[in-house]
Amino acid sequence: LPNSGKLYSYSIVHRSFPGIDVPYISAIVDLDDGTAIKGNLINVEPDPEKIEFDMPVDVVFDDALGRKDRDGNSYISYFFQPKAG
């Protein structure tokens, strides 16, 4: 799948399961090939004034919010972040 796309929709989550930091931005992104995927938008304030529909984003892979398996290995997940400059 492509590593870039545009923000289609989002929701700022203020309440979640225990242990999940809030607020966070749950987003749906249309990738450059037309595939739509859901994930979290990071590196932008969870404020509607700072988030624009159709904003270009990159897919990044990072530590899954500090979560680890029973052997202490970090989980890796994908996230979206605003396209650099």
C-alpha atoms as a PDB file:
ATOM      1  CA  LEU A   1       0.000   0.000   0.000  1.00  0.00           C
ATOM      2  CA  PRO A   2       1.121   3.593  -0.522  1.00  0.00           C
ATOM      3  CA  ASN A   3       2.699   5.496   2.365  1.00  0.00           C
ATOM      4  CA  SER A   4       0.771   8.704   1.758  1.00  0.00           C
ATOM      5  CA  GLY A   5      -2.763   9.937   1.295  1.00  0.00           C
ATOM      6  CA  LYS A   6      -5.308  12.510   2.411  1.00  0.00           C
ATOM      7  CA  LEU A   7      -7.410  12.802   5.536  1.00  0.00           C
ATOM      8  CA  TYR A   8     -10.991  11.821   4.724  1.00  0.00           C
ATOM      9  CA  SER A   9     -12.611  11.938   8.170  1.00  0.00           C
ATOM     10  CA  TYR A  10     -11.678  12.047  11.837  1.00  0.00           C
ATOM     11  CA  SER A  11     -13.039  11.989  15.365  1.00  0.00           C
ATOM     12  CA  ILE A  12     -11.391  13.354  18.488  1.00  0.00           C
ATOM     13  CA  VAL A  13     -11.779  10.683  21.172  1.00  0.00           C
ATOM     14  CA  HIS A  14     -12.141  11.998  24.727  1.00  0.00           C
ATOM     15  CA  ARG A  15     -13.168   8.786  26.509  1.00  0.00           C
ATOM     16  CA  SER A  16     -11.596   5.377  26.021  1.00  0.00           C
ATOM     17  CA  PHE A  17     -10.632   2.190  27.804  1.00  0.00           C
ATOM     18  CA  PRO A  18      -8.582   2.441  31.014  1.00  0.00           C
ATOM     19  CA  GLY A  19      -4.900   2.904  30.209  1.00  0.00           C
ATOM     20  CA  ILE A  20      -5.496   4.637  26.872  1.00  0.00           C
ATOM     21  CA  ASP A  21      -4.378   8.273  26.853  1.00  0.00           C
ATOM     22  CA  VAL A  22      -7.022  10.720  25.657  1.00  0.00           C
ATOM     23  CA  PRO A  23      -7.692  12.817  23.732  1.00  0.00           C
ATOM     24  CA  TYR A  24      -6.473  11.211  20.532  1.00  0.00           C
ATOM     25  CA  ILE A  25      -7.510  11.516  16.906  1.00  0.00           C
ATOM     26  CA  SER A  26      -9.061   8.514  15.187  1.00  0.00           C
ATOM     27  CA  ALA A  27      -8.874   9.039  11.430  1.00  0.00           C
ATOM     28  CA  ILE A  28      -9.859   7.561   8.104  1.00  0.00           C
ATOM     29  CA  VAL A  29      -7.372   8.234   5.321  1.00  0.00           C
ATOM     30  CA  ASP A  30      -7.741   7.721   1.593  1.00  0.00           C
ATOM     31  CA  LEU A  31      -4.353   6.452   0.457  1.00  0.00           C
ATOM     32  CA  ASP A  32      -2.970   7.579  -2.880  1.00  0.00           C
ATOM     33  CA  ASP A  33      -4.176   4.385  -4.582  1.00  0.00           C
ATOM     34  CA  GLY A  34      -7.763   4.853  -3.344  1.00  0.00           C
ATOM     35  CA  THR A  35      -7.575   2.407  -0.438  1.00  0.00           C
ATOM     36  CA  ALA A  36      -9.276   3.760   2.703  1.00  0.00           C
ATOM     37  CA  ILE A  37      -7.783   2.758   6.059  1.00  0.00           C
ATOM     38  CA  LYS A  38      -8.410   3.718   9.677  1.00  0.00           C
ATOM     39  CA  GLY A  39      -5.773   4.612  12.245  1.00  0.00           C
ATOM     40  CA  ASN A  40      -4.660   7.344  14.604  1.00  0.00           C
ATOM     41  CA  LEU A  41      -3.511  10.765  13.466  1.00  0.00           C
ATOM     42  CA  ILE A  42      -0.445  11.847  15.440  1.00  0.00           C
ATOM     43  CA  ASN A  43       1.818  14.888  15.685  1.00  0.00           C
ATOM     44  CA  VAL A  44      -1.084  17.326  15.437  1.00  0.00           C
ATOM     45  CA  GLU A  45      -3.099  18.864  18.269  1.00  0.00           C
ATOM     46  CA  PRO A  46      -6.520  17.253  18.854  1.00  0.00           C
ATOM     47  CA  ASP A  47      -8.214  20.539  17.987  1.00  0.00           C
ATOM     48  CA  PRO A  48     -10.571  20.946  15.001  1.00  0.00           C
ATOM     49  CA  GLU A  49      -8.912  24.297  14.250  1.00  0.00           C
ATOM     50  CA  LYS A  50      -5.621  22.421  13.596  1.00  0.00           C
ATOM     51  CA  ILE A  51      -7.050  19.587  11.459  1.00  0.00           C
ATOM     52  CA  GLU A  52      -8.149  19.997   7.832  1.00  0.00           C
ATOM     53  CA  PHE A  53     -10.088  17.551   5.706  1.00  0.00           C
ATOM     54  CA  ASP A  54      -8.065  16.469   2.657  1.00  0.00           C
ATOM     55  CA  MET A  55      -4.816  17.441   4.415  1.00  0.00           C
ATOM     56  CA  PRO A  56      -1.917  15.418   3.009  1.00  0.00           C
ATOM     57  CA  VAL A  57      -0.623  12.784   5.432  1.00  0.00           C
ATOM     58  CA  ASP A  58       2.136  10.209   5.543  1.00  0.00           C
ATOM     59  CA  VAL A  59       1.860   6.702   6.972  1.00  0.00           C
ATOM     60  CA  VAL A  60       4.514   6.134   9.640  1.00  0.00           C
ATOM     61  CA  PHE A  61       5.396   3.064  11.665  1.00  0.00           C
ATOM     62  CA  ASP A  62       6.214   3.483  15.343  1.00  0.00           C
ATOM     63  CA  ASP A  63       5.994   1.956  18.781  1.00  0.00           C
ATOM     64  CA  ALA A  64       2.346   1.153  19.534  1.00  0.00           C
ATOM     65  CA  LEU A  65       1.929   3.641  22.368  1.00  0.00           C
ATOM     66  CA  GLY A  66       4.329   1.876  24.729  1.00  0.00           C
ATOM     67  CA  ARG A  67       2.572  -1.471  24.655  1.00  0.00           C
ATOM     68  CA  LYS A  68       4.686  -4.611  25.028  1.00  0.00           C
ATOM     69  CA  ASP A  69       4.123  -8.353  24.817  1.00  0.00           C
ATOM     70  CA  ARG A  70       4.799 -10.676  27.760  1.00  0.00           C
ATOM     71  CA  ASP A  71       8.466 -10.973  26.717  1.00  0.00           C
ATOM     72  CA  GLY A  72       8.930  -7.194  26.759  1.00  0.00           C
ATOM     73  CA  ASN A  73       8.967  -6.733  22.978  1.00  0.00           C
ATOM     74  CA  SER A  74       7.377  -3.534  21.707  1.00  0.00           C
ATOM     75  CA  TYR A  75       4.416  -3.699  19.381  1.00  0.00           C
ATOM     76  CA  ILE A  76       4.757  -1.713  16.167  1.00  0.00           C
ATOM     77  CA  SER A  77       1.770  -0.089  14.502  1.00  0.00           C
ATOM     78  CA  TYR A  78       1.044   2.369  11.712  1.00  0.00           C
ATOM     79  CA  PHE A  79      -0.096   5.934  12.275  1.00  0.00           C
ATOM     80  CA  PHE A  80      -0.800   8.971  10.123  1.00  0.00           C
ATOM     81  CA  GLN A  81       0.941  12.306  10.492  1.00  0.00           C
ATOM     82  CA  PRO A  82       0.699  15.544   8.539  1.00  0.00           C
ATOM     83  CA  LYS A  83       2.962  15.513   5.490  1.00  0.00           C
ATOM     84  CA  ALA A  84       6.144  17.464   6.139  1.00  0.00           C
ATOM     85  CA  GLY A  85       6.363  20.806   4.564  1.00  0.00           C
END
